[in-house]
């Protein structure tokens, strides 16, 4: 089994990078990409643990992209370094994330809910705070019963404490990933809220800006949708990837490591026949070493 889209405590997952690799080994994962939101801070720890566990490790990141509807996330897979361009992108996104979190904290006060941003940073030991962190503390303080309730009542798009994201420009993000030795891949494209009637035109524009792959297989969609996305990727000559988007069992019970659309295992061909050959072509050798 493989998984090319996972998260750790370096962003909004529940396992530390090392714990994630140990968990992956127990689940018989042979190849794993760590793709934390807007940070590479967990990659060295994960890489070291992957060596111990005998797992092929793919250093990655998931970047937030500026987009008018829904969410646009872009994976950077096979990073060799954090280039100056990627450092600038991460710094920009970190500041925008902080601004968003401060606004959400203020909005919660209107409902008698007090969750301070600095409190979250202290508790979770990261500046990469997101809505799941708010939700966990709200449960612990007794404001709500479940994390999902936080999204249903306060944080989902259209709910009273939702704050729009500000993302990086797509062309800049693509260059940041490529300058770091990685492959830019469109993550869970249906999250963009683009209709199927406009999807081909949209993906054409995204591909023209340098995105080289499409995450056709994602745990949040149906098999028929994944197959349709894979056909679209073939049309543009993009590689196809897949993953679970695993954050931990307590965050999304429906997202299990190594499992993708239709509760199918992520197929090894998405590594062996798609991403791996592309990385070997870019790097000139099969090395996946991340330097930091």
C-alpha atoms as a PDB file:
ATOM      1  CA  UNK A   1       0.000   0.000   0.000  1.00  0.00           C
ATOM      2  CA  UNK A   2       1.002   3.603  -0.604  1.00  0.00           C
ATOM      3  CA  UNK A   3      -0.296   7.053   0.340  1.00  0.00           C
ATOM      4  CA  UNK A   4       0.735  10.285  -1.388  1.00  0.00           C
ATOM      5  CA  UNK A   5      -1.259  12.736   0.744  1.00  0.00           C
ATOM      6  CA  UNK A   6      -1.028  12.784   4.568  1.00  0.00           C
ATOM      7  CA  UNK A   7      -0.703  15.278   7.420  1.00  0.00           C
ATOM      8  CA  UNK A   8       1.049  15.449  10.782  1.00  0.00           C
ATOM      9  CA  UNK A   9       1.099  17.711  13.830  1.00  0.00           C
ATOM     10  CA  UNK A  10       3.374  20.018  11.849  1.00  0.00           C
ATOM     11  CA  UNK A  11       0.064  21.318  10.467  1.00  0.00           C
ATOM     12  CA  UNK A  12      -3.372  19.968  11.418  1.00  0.00           C
ATOM     13  CA  UNK A  13      -2.797  16.239  11.861  1.00  0.00           C
ATOM     14  CA  UNK A  14      -2.911  14.391  15.186  1.00  0.00           C
ATOM     15  CA  UNK A  15       0.348  12.413  14.944  1.00  0.00           C
ATOM     16  CA  UNK A  16       3.843  13.843  15.107  1.00  0.00           C
ATOM     17  CA  UNK A  17       5.807  13.199  11.889  1.00  0.00           C
ATOM     18  CA  UNK A  18       7.649  10.306  13.517  1.00  0.00           C
ATOM     19  CA  UNK A  19       4.461   8.851  14.975  1.00  0.00           C
ATOM     20  CA  UNK A  20       2.807   9.072  11.570  1.00  0.00           C
ATOM     21  CA  UNK A  21       5.562   6.973   9.972  1.00  0.00           C
ATOM     22  CA  UNK A  22       5.373   4.389  12.752  1.00  0.00           C
ATOM     23  CA  UNK A  23       1.600   4.252  12.333  1.00  0.00           C
ATOM     24  CA  UNK A  24       2.017   3.899   8.556  1.00  0.00           C
ATOM     25  CA  UNK A  25       4.412   0.975   9.057  1.00  0.00           C
ATOM     26  CA  UNK A  26       1.833  -0.798  11.238  1.00  0.00           C
ATOM     27  CA  UNK A  27      -0.705  -0.328   8.432  1.00  0.00           C
ATOM     28  CA  UNK A  28       1.712  -1.865   5.904  1.00  0.00           C
ATOM     29  CA  UNK A  29       2.308   1.364   3.986  1.00  0.00           C
ATOM     30  CA  UNK A  30       5.404   0.993   1.790  1.00  0.00           C
ATOM     31  CA  UNK A  31       5.542   4.489   0.238  1.00  0.00           C
ATOM     32  CA  UNK A  32       4.288   7.609   1.988  1.00  0.00           C
ATOM     33  CA  UNK A  33       4.270  11.350   1.267  1.00  0.00           C
ATOM     34  CA  UNK A  34       3.973  13.848   4.117  1.00  0.00           C
ATOM     35  CA  UNK A  35       2.192  16.924   2.766  1.00  0.00           C
ATOM     36  CA  UNK A  36       1.539  19.283   5.660  1.00  0.00           C
ATOM     37  CA  UNK A  37      -0.250  22.544   5.018  1.00  0.00           C
ATOM     38  CA  UNK A  38       2.093  25.404   4.132  1.00  0.00           C
ATOM     39  CA  UNK A  39       5.126  24.013   5.990  1.00  0.00           C
ATOM     40  CA  UNK A  40       8.098  21.687   5.536  1.00  0.00           C
ATOM     41  CA  UNK A  41       8.958  21.666   9.243  1.00  0.00           C
ATOM     42  CA  UNK A  42       8.060  17.999   9.770  1.00  0.00           C
ATOM     43  CA  UNK A  43       9.929  16.513   6.830  1.00  0.00           C
ATOM     44  CA  UNK A  44      13.329  15.809   8.386  1.00  0.00           C
ATOM     45  CA  UNK A  45      11.809  13.995  11.380  1.00  0.00           C
ATOM     46  CA  UNK A  46       9.543  11.982   9.088  1.00  0.00           C
ATOM     47  CA  UNK A  47      12.419  11.174   6.733  1.00  0.00           C
ATOM     48  CA  UNK A  48      14.556   9.816   9.560  1.00  0.00           C
ATOM     49  CA  UNK A  49      11.737   7.650  10.903  1.00  0.00           C
ATOM     50  CA  UNK A  50      10.973   6.393   7.385  1.00  0.00           C
ATOM     51  CA  UNK A  51      14.540   5.053   7.180  1.00  0.00           C
ATOM     52  CA  UNK A  52      14.052   3.191  10.445  1.00  0.00           C
ATOM     53  CA  UNK A  53      10.704   1.752   9.319  1.00  0.00           C
ATOM     54  CA  UNK A  54      11.870   0.837   5.826  1.00  0.00           C
ATOM     55  CA  UNK A  55       9.305   3.101   4.134  1.00  0.00           C
ATOM     56  CA  UNK A  56       9.999   4.966   0.908  1.00  0.00           C
ATOM     57  CA  UNK A  57       9.458   8.580   1.958  1.00  0.00           C
ATOM     58  CA  UNK A  58       8.281  11.313  -0.418  1.00  0.00           C
ATOM     59  CA  UNK A  59       8.926  14.788   1.058  1.00  0.00           C
ATOM     60  CA  UNK A  60       6.032  17.096   0.277  1.00  0.00           C
ATOM     61  CA  UNK A  61       3.879  20.089   1.123  1.00  0.00           C
ATOM     62  CA  UNK A  62       0.308  21.252   0.510  1.00  0.00           C
ATOM     63  CA  UNK A  63       0.062  24.925  -0.435  1.00  0.00           C
ATOM     64  CA  UNK A  64      -3.022  27.122  -0.219  1.00  0.00           C
ATOM     65  CA  UNK A  65      -3.666  28.812  -3.583  1.00  0.00           C
ATOM     66  CA  UNK A  66      -5.645  31.988  -4.176  1.00  0.00           C
ATOM     67  CA  UNK A  67      -8.931  30.970  -5.796  1.00  0.00           C
ATOM     68  CA  UNK A  68     -12.348  32.664  -6.105  1.00  0.00           C
ATOM     69  CA  UNK A  69     -14.509  29.666  -5.176  1.00  0.00           C
ATOM     70  CA  UNK A  70     -14.162  26.686  -2.854  1.00  0.00           C
ATOM     71  CA  UNK A  71     -10.598  25.641  -2.011  1.00  0.00           C
ATOM     72  CA  UNK A  72      -7.577  25.282  -4.248  1.00  0.00           C
ATOM     73  CA  UNK A  73      -4.730  23.304  -2.705  1.00  0.00           C
ATOM     74  CA  UNK A  74      -1.585  22.302  -4.554  1.00  0.00           C
ATOM     75  CA  UNK A  75       0.721  19.500  -3.506  1.00  0.00           C
ATOM     76  CA  UNK A  76       4.455  19.746  -3.981  1.00  0.00           C
ATOM     77  CA  UNK A  77       5.746  16.155  -4.109  1.00  0.00           C
ATOM     78  CA  UNK A  78       9.366  15.005  -4.023  1.00  0.00           C
ATOM     79  CA  UNK A  79      10.910  18.138  -2.520  1.00  0.00           C
ATOM     80  CA  UNK A  80      14.698  18.100  -2.212  1.00  0.00           C
ATOM     81  CA  UNK A  81      15.076  21.414  -0.401  1.00  0.00           C
ATOM     82  CA  UNK A  82      13.158  24.474   0.804  1.00  0.00           C
ATOM     83  CA  UNK A  83      14.202  26.990  -1.840  1.00  0.00           C
ATOM     84  CA  UNK A  84      14.191  30.772  -1.185  1.00  0.00           C
ATOM     85  CA  UNK A  85      11.027  30.986  -3.293  1.00  0.00           C
ATOM     86  CA  UNK A  86       9.294  28.304  -1.230  1.00  0.00           C
ATOM     87  CA  UNK A  87      10.444  29.953   2.010  1.00  0.00           C
ATOM     88  CA  UNK A  88       8.876  33.220   0.827  1.00  0.00           C
ATOM     89  CA  UNK A  89       5.613  31.451  -0.037  1.00  0.00           C
ATOM     90  CA  UNK A  90       5.508  29.690   3.339  1.00  0.00           C
ATOM     91  CA  UNK A  91       6.164  32.971   5.166  1.00  0.00           C
ATOM     92  CA  UNK A  92       3.407  34.734   3.219  1.00  0.00           C
ATOM     93  CA  UNK A  93       0.901  31.943   3.866  1.00  0.00           C
ATOM     94  CA  UNK A  94       1.855  31.722   7.550  1.00  0.00           C
ATOM     95  CA  UNK A  95       1.109  35.429   8.015  1.00  0.00           C
ATOM     96  CA  UNK A  96      -2.196  35.166   6.153  1.00  0.00           C
ATOM     97  CA  UNK A  97      -3.129  32.105   8.223  1.00  0.00           C
ATOM     98  CA  UNK A  98      -2.364  34.048  11.412  1.00  0.00           C
ATOM     99  CA  UNK A  99      -4.557  36.939  10.274  1.00  0.00           C
ATOM    100  CA  UNK A 100      -7.393  34.530   9.504  1.00  0.00           C
ATOM    101  CA  UNK A 101      -7.097  32.825  12.875  1.00  0.00           C
ATOM    102  CA  UNK A 102      -7.188  36.130  14.734  1.00  0.00           C
ATOM    103  CA  UNK A 103     -10.376  37.088  12.890  1.00  0.00           C
ATOM    104  CA  UNK A 104     -12.002  33.721  13.692  1.00  0.00           C
ATOM    105  CA  UNK A 105     -11.065  34.112  17.355  1.00  0.00           C
ATOM    106  CA  UNK A 106     -12.764  37.517  17.433  1.00  0.00           C
ATOM    107  CA  UNK A 107     -15.891  36.197  15.712  1.00  0.00           C
ATOM    108  CA  UNK A 108     -16.205  33.385  18.266  1.00  0.00           C
ATOM    109  CA  UNK A 109     -16.383  35.963  21.066  1.00  0.00           C
ATOM    110  CA  UNK A 110     -19.724  37.153  19.669  1.00  0.00           C
ATOM    111  CA  UNK A 111     -21.067  33.724  20.652  1.00  0.00           C
ATOM    112  CA  UNK A 112     -19.482  33.719  24.108  1.00  0.00           C
ATOM    113  CA  UNK A 113     -16.696  31.393  22.988  1.00  0.00           C
ATOM    114  CA  UNK A 114     -13.198  32.354  24.109  1.00  0.00           C
ATOM    115  CA  UNK A 115     -10.364  30.617  22.278  1.00  0.00           C
ATOM    116  CA  UNK A 116      -7.275  32.799  22.052  1.00  0.00           C
ATOM    117  CA  UNK A 117      -4.858  32.411  19.141  1.00  0.00           C
ATOM    118  CA  UNK A 118      -1.765  32.562  21.352  1.00  0.00           C
ATOM    119  CA  UNK A 119      -3.350  29.890  23.539  1.00  0.00           C
ATOM    120  CA  UNK A 120      -3.591  27.603  20.512  1.00  0.00           C
ATOM    121  CA  UNK A 121       0.028  28.217  19.491  1.00  0.00           C
ATOM    122  CA  UNK A 122       1.159  27.404  23.028  1.00  0.00           C
ATOM    123  CA  UNK A 123      -0.973  24.264  23.294  1.00  0.00           C
ATOM    124  CA  UNK A 124      -0.138  22.740  19.920  1.00  0.00           C
ATOM    125  CA  UNK A 125       3.444  24.044  19.673  1.00  0.00           C
ATOM    126  CA  UNK A 126       2.969  25.279  16.112  1.00  0.00           C
ATOM    127  CA  UNK A 127       2.125  28.531  14.362  1.00  0.00           C
ATOM    128  CA  UNK A 128       0.402  26.513  11.645  1.00  0.00           C
ATOM    129  CA  UNK A 129      -2.952  26.752  13.420  1.00  0.00           C
ATOM    130  CA  UNK A 130      -6.198  25.857  11.623  1.00  0.00           C
ATOM    131  CA  UNK A 131      -9.860  25.260  12.277  1.00  0.00           C
ATOM    132  CA  UNK A 132      -9.308  21.711  13.615  1.00  0.00           C
ATOM    133  CA  UNK A 133      -7.180  23.181  16.419  1.00  0.00           C
ATOM    134  CA  UNK A 134      -9.961  25.624  17.327  1.00  0.00           C
ATOM    135  CA  UNK A 135     -12.457  22.765  17.243  1.00  0.00           C
ATOM    136  CA  UNK A 136     -10.413  20.559  19.584  1.00  0.00           C
ATOM    137  CA  UNK A 137     -10.063  23.283  22.216  1.00  0.00           C
ATOM    138  CA  UNK A 138     -13.760  24.154  21.937  1.00  0.00           C
ATOM    139  CA  UNK A 139     -14.580  20.527  22.732  1.00  0.00           C
ATOM    140  CA  UNK A 140     -12.131  20.483  25.639  1.00  0.00           C
ATOM    141  CA  UNK A 141     -13.656  23.662  27.083  1.00  0.00           C
ATOM    142  CA  UNK A 142     -17.161  22.288  26.779  1.00  0.00           C
ATOM    143  CA  UNK A 143     -18.488  24.759  24.226  1.00  0.00           C
ATOM    144  CA  UNK A 144     -19.402  21.912  21.864  1.00  0.00           C
ATOM    145  CA  UNK A 145     -19.564  18.123  22.040  1.00  0.00           C
ATOM    146  CA  UNK A 146     -17.685  17.146  18.862  1.00  0.00           C
ATOM    147  CA  UNK A 147     -15.163  18.661  16.474  1.00  0.00           C
ATOM    148  CA  UNK A 148     -17.613  18.298  13.623  1.00  0.00           C
ATOM    149  CA  UNK A 149     -20.083  20.454  15.506  1.00  0.00           C
ATOM    150  CA  UNK A 150     -17.554  23.306  15.365  1.00  0.00           C
ATOM    151  CA  UNK A 151     -17.600  23.178  11.583  1.00  0.00           C
ATOM    152  CA  UNK A 152     -21.350  22.641  11.277  1.00  0.00           C
ATOM    153  CA  UNK A 153     -22.203  25.568  13.550  1.00  0.00           C
ATOM    154  CA  UNK A 154     -19.294  27.990  13.199  1.00  0.00           C
ATOM    155  CA  UNK A 155     -16.454  27.278  10.760  1.00  0.00           C
ATOM    156  CA  UNK A 156     -17.830  25.797   7.540  1.00  0.00           C
ATOM    157  CA  UNK A 157     -18.191  28.113   4.552  1.00  0.00           C
ATOM    158  CA  UNK A 158     -21.282  30.244   5.094  1.00  0.00           C
ATOM    159  CA  UNK A 159     -21.318  29.749   8.863  1.00  0.00           C
ATOM    160  CA  UNK A 160     -20.932  32.810  11.150  1.00  0.00           C
ATOM    161  CA  UNK A 161     -17.267  32.399  12.118  1.00  0.00           C
ATOM    162  CA  UNK A 162     -15.942  31.408   8.711  1.00  0.00           C
ATOM    163  CA  UNK A 163     -13.209  33.677   7.326  1.00  0.00           C
ATOM    164  CA  UNK A 164     -12.127  33.496   3.695  1.00  0.00           C
ATOM    165  CA  UNK A 165      -8.635  32.207   2.992  1.00  0.00           C
ATOM    166  CA  UNK A 166      -5.999  34.253   1.218  1.00  0.00           C
ATOM    167  CA  UNK A 167      -3.714  31.999  -0.799  1.00  0.00           C
ATOM    168  CA  UNK A 168      -0.544  32.254  -2.853  1.00  0.00           C
ATOM    169  CA  UNK A 169      -0.626  33.129  -6.539  1.00  0.00           C
ATOM    170  CA  UNK A 170      -0.657  29.883  -8.542  1.00  0.00           C
ATOM    171  CA  UNK A 171       2.289  30.765 -10.784  1.00  0.00           C
ATOM    172  CA  UNK A 172       4.409  31.724  -7.773  1.00  0.00           C
ATOM    173  CA  UNK A 173       3.475  28.525  -5.948  1.00  0.00           C
ATOM    174  CA  UNK A 174       4.367  26.403  -8.977  1.00  0.00           C
ATOM    175  CA  UNK A 175       7.771  28.080  -9.233  1.00  0.00           C
ATOM    176  CA  UNK A 176       8.337  27.663  -5.484  1.00  0.00           C
ATOM    177  CA  UNK A 177       7.739  23.903  -5.727  1.00  0.00           C
ATOM    178  CA  UNK A 178       9.776  23.427  -8.897  1.00  0.00           C
ATOM    179  CA  UNK A 179      12.720  25.417  -7.506  1.00  0.00           C
ATOM    180  CA  UNK A 180      12.647  23.042  -4.521  1.00  0.00           C
ATOM    181  CA  UNK A 181      12.925  19.984  -6.787  1.00  0.00           C
ATOM    182  CA  UNK A 182       9.275  18.986  -6.476  1.00  0.00           C
ATOM    183  CA  UNK A 183       6.374  18.197  -8.774  1.00  0.00           C
ATOM    184  CA  UNK A 184       3.346  20.556  -8.551  1.00  0.00           C
ATOM    185  CA  UNK A 185       0.130  18.495  -8.300  1.00  0.00           C
ATOM    186  CA  UNK A 186      -3.437  19.775  -8.132  1.00  0.00           C
ATOM    187  CA  UNK A 187      -4.920  18.369  -4.906  1.00  0.00           C
ATOM    188  CA  UNK A 188      -8.559  17.174  -4.618  1.00  0.00           C
ATOM    189  CA  UNK A 189      -9.748  19.246  -7.618  1.00  0.00           C
ATOM    190  CA  UNK A 190     -13.453  18.907  -6.836  1.00  0.00           C
ATOM    191  CA  UNK A 191     -12.866  21.125  -3.797  1.00  0.00           C
ATOM    192  CA  UNK A 192     -12.504  24.064  -6.197  1.00  0.00           C
ATOM    193  CA  UNK A 193     -16.302  23.961  -6.658  1.00  0.00           C
ATOM    194  CA  UNK A 194     -15.963  24.028 -10.436  1.00  0.00           C
ATOM    195  CA  UNK A 195     -18.764  22.350 -12.365  1.00  0.00           C
ATOM    196  CA  UNK A 196     -17.944  19.394 -14.614  1.00  0.00           C
ATOM    197  CA  UNK A 197     -19.021  21.530 -17.555  1.00  0.00           C
ATOM    198  CA  UNK A 198     -16.197  23.984 -16.817  1.00  0.00           C
ATOM    199  CA  UNK A 199     -13.665  21.530 -15.380  1.00  0.00           C
ATOM    200  CA  UNK A 200     -11.765  20.843 -18.611  1.00  0.00           C
ATOM    201  CA  UNK A 201     -11.310  24.537 -19.388  1.00  0.00           C
ATOM    202  CA  UNK A 202     -10.271  25.200 -15.793  1.00  0.00           C
ATOM    203  CA  UNK A 203      -7.740  22.377 -15.727  1.00  0.00           C
ATOM    204  CA  UNK A 204      -6.332  23.520 -19.049  1.00  0.00           C
ATOM    205  CA  UNK A 205      -5.557  26.917 -17.524  1.00  0.00           C
ATOM    206  CA  UNK A 206      -4.052  25.336 -14.411  1.00  0.00           C
ATOM    207  CA  UNK A 207      -1.871  23.036 -16.515  1.00  0.00           C
ATOM    208  CA  UNK A 208      -0.699  25.968 -18.620  1.00  0.00           C
ATOM    209  CA  UNK A 209       0.595  27.638 -15.456  1.00  0.00           C
ATOM    210  CA  UNK A 210       2.900  24.696 -14.820  1.00  0.00           C
ATOM    211  CA  UNK A 211       0.936  22.227 -12.699  1.00  0.00           C
ATOM    212  CA  UNK A 212       2.242  18.803 -13.737  1.00  0.00           C
ATOM    213  CA  UNK A 213      -0.055  16.388 -11.948  1.00  0.00           C
ATOM    214  CA  UNK A 214      -3.621  15.806 -10.829  1.00  0.00           C
ATOM    215  CA  UNK A 215      -4.689  14.061  -7.622  1.00  0.00           C
ATOM    216  CA  UNK A 216      -7.502  12.175  -9.316  1.00  0.00           C
ATOM    217  CA  UNK A 217      -7.828   9.646  -6.504  1.00  0.00           C
ATOM    218  CA  UNK A 218      -8.876  11.205  -3.193  1.00  0.00           C
ATOM    219  CA  UNK A 219     -10.807   9.750  -0.281  1.00  0.00           C
ATOM    220  CA  UNK A 220     -13.487  12.442  -0.465  1.00  0.00           C
ATOM    221  CA  UNK A 221     -14.888  11.511  -3.889  1.00  0.00           C
ATOM    222  CA  UNK A 222     -16.587   8.596  -5.648  1.00  0.00           C
ATOM    223  CA  UNK A 223     -14.844   6.091  -7.926  1.00  0.00           C
ATOM    224  CA  UNK A 224     -16.676   7.381 -11.013  1.00  0.00           C
ATOM    225  CA  UNK A 225     -15.452  10.916 -10.254  1.00  0.00           C
ATOM    226  CA  UNK A 226     -11.883   9.703  -9.754  1.00  0.00           C
ATOM    227  CA  UNK A 227     -11.955   7.834 -13.073  1.00  0.00           C
ATOM    228  CA  UNK A 228     -13.296  10.918 -14.806  1.00  0.00           C
ATOM    229  CA  UNK A 229     -10.530  13.068 -13.330  1.00  0.00           C
ATOM    230  CA  UNK A 230      -7.899  10.535 -14.367  1.00  0.00           C
ATOM    231  CA  UNK A 231      -9.134  10.697 -17.979  1.00  0.00           C
ATOM    232  CA  UNK A 232      -8.918  14.482 -17.805  1.00  0.00           C
ATOM    233  CA  UNK A 233      -5.334  14.303 -16.563  1.00  0.00           C
ATOM    234  CA  UNK A 234      -4.418  12.000 -19.460  1.00  0.00           C
ATOM    235  CA  UNK A 235      -5.856  14.510 -21.897  1.00  0.00           C
ATOM    236  CA  UNK A 236      -3.396  17.162 -20.715  1.00  0.00           C
ATOM    237  CA  UNK A 237      -0.431  14.815 -20.272  1.00  0.00           C
ATOM    238  CA  UNK A 238      -0.426  15.244 -16.497  1.00  0.00           C
ATOM    239  CA  UNK A 239       0.679  12.530 -14.102  1.00  0.00           C
ATOM    240  CA  UNK A 240      -1.983  11.038 -11.831  1.00  0.00           C
ATOM    241  CA  UNK A 241      -1.582  10.698  -8.058  1.00  0.00           C
ATOM    242  CA  UNK A 242      -3.763   9.578  -5.182  1.00  0.00           C
ATOM    243  CA  UNK A 243      -3.978   9.610  -1.435  1.00  0.00           C
ATOM    244  CA  UNK A 244      -6.131   9.487   1.649  1.00  0.00           C
ATOM    245  CA  UNK A 245      -5.629  13.051   2.969  1.00  0.00           C
ATOM    246  CA  UNK A 246      -5.170  11.340   6.332  1.00  0.00           C
ATOM    247  CA  UNK A 247      -5.045  13.629   9.383  1.00  0.00           C
ATOM    248  CA  UNK A 248      -5.644  11.033  12.102  1.00  0.00           C
ATOM    249  CA  UNK A 249      -8.592   8.871  13.097  1.00  0.00           C
ATOM    250  CA  UNK A 250      -9.948  11.497  15.501  1.00  0.00           C
ATOM    251  CA  UNK A 251     -10.092  14.225  12.849  1.00  0.00           C
ATOM    252  CA  UNK A 252     -11.812  12.463   9.964  1.00  0.00           C
ATOM    253  CA  UNK A 253     -12.771   8.863  10.682  1.00  0.00           C
ATOM    254  CA  UNK A 254     -13.680   8.375   7.017  1.00  0.00           C
ATOM    255  CA  UNK A 255     -10.106   9.116   5.899  1.00  0.00           C
ATOM    256  CA  UNK A 256      -7.966   6.076   6.583  1.00  0.00           C
ATOM    257  CA  UNK A 257      -4.297   5.948   5.728  1.00  0.00           C
ATOM    258  CA  UNK A 258      -3.650   4.188   2.430  1.00  0.00           C
ATOM    259  CA  UNK A 259      -7.330   4.337   1.435  1.00  0.00           C
ATOM    260  CA  UNK A 260      -8.734   6.567  -1.298  1.00  0.00           C
ATOM    261  CA  UNK A 261     -11.915   6.994  -3.402  1.00  0.00           C
ATOM    262  CA  UNK A 262     -14.520   4.279  -2.967  1.00  0.00           C
ATOM    263  CA  UNK A 263     -12.627   2.949   0.084  1.00  0.00           C
ATOM    264  CA  UNK A 264     -10.078   1.429  -2.288  1.00  0.00           C
ATOM    265  CA  UNK A 265      -6.386   1.097  -1.393  1.00  0.00           C
ATOM    266  CA  UNK A 266      -4.248   3.728  -3.111  1.00  0.00           C
ATOM    267  CA  UNK A 267      -2.835   1.866  -6.104  1.00  0.00           C
ATOM    268  CA  UNK A 268       0.930   1.388  -6.250  1.00  0.00           C
ATOM    269  CA  UNK A 269       0.898   2.304  -9.951  1.00  0.00           C
ATOM    270  CA  UNK A 270       0.318   5.942  -8.907  1.00  0.00           C
ATOM    271  CA  UNK A 271       3.817   5.860  -7.435  1.00  0.00           C
ATOM    272  CA  UNK A 272       5.647   3.328  -9.598  1.00  0.00           C
ATOM    273  CA  UNK A 273       4.247   4.392 -13.000  1.00  0.00           C
ATOM    274  CA  UNK A 274       3.407   8.048 -12.386  1.00  0.00           C
ATOM    275  CA  UNK A 275       5.193  10.086  -9.718  1.00  0.00           C
ATOM    276  CA  UNK A 276       8.396   8.075  -9.322  1.00  0.00           C
ATOM    277  CA  UNK A 277       9.413   8.237 -13.023  1.00  0.00           C
ATOM    278  CA  UNK A 278       8.666  11.972 -13.081  1.00  0.00           C
ATOM    279  CA  UNK A 279      10.868  12.585 -10.033  1.00  0.00           C
ATOM    280  CA  UNK A 280      13.676  10.487 -11.481  1.00  0.00           C
ATOM    281  CA  UNK A 281      13.477  12.568 -14.655  1.00  0.00           C
ATOM    282  CA  UNK A 282      13.600  15.837 -12.690  1.00  0.00           C
ATOM    283  CA  UNK A 283      16.282  14.822 -10.199  1.00  0.00           C
ATOM    284  CA  UNK A 284      18.381  12.801 -12.601  1.00  0.00           C
ATOM    285  CA  UNK A 285      18.563   9.974 -10.050  1.00  0.00           C
ATOM    286  CA  UNK A 286      16.179   8.014  -7.832  1.00  0.00           C
ATOM    287  CA  UNK A 287      17.195   9.890  -4.646  1.00  0.00           C
ATOM    288  CA  UNK A 288      14.371  11.356  -2.527  1.00  0.00           C
ATOM    289  CA  UNK A 289      16.639  12.914   0.096  1.00  0.00           C
ATOM    290  CA  UNK A 290      15.280  16.142   1.621  1.00  0.00           C
ATOM    291  CA  UNK A 291      18.040  18.523   2.691  1.00  0.00           C
ATOM    292  CA  UNK A 292      15.928  20.935   4.699  1.00  0.00           C
END
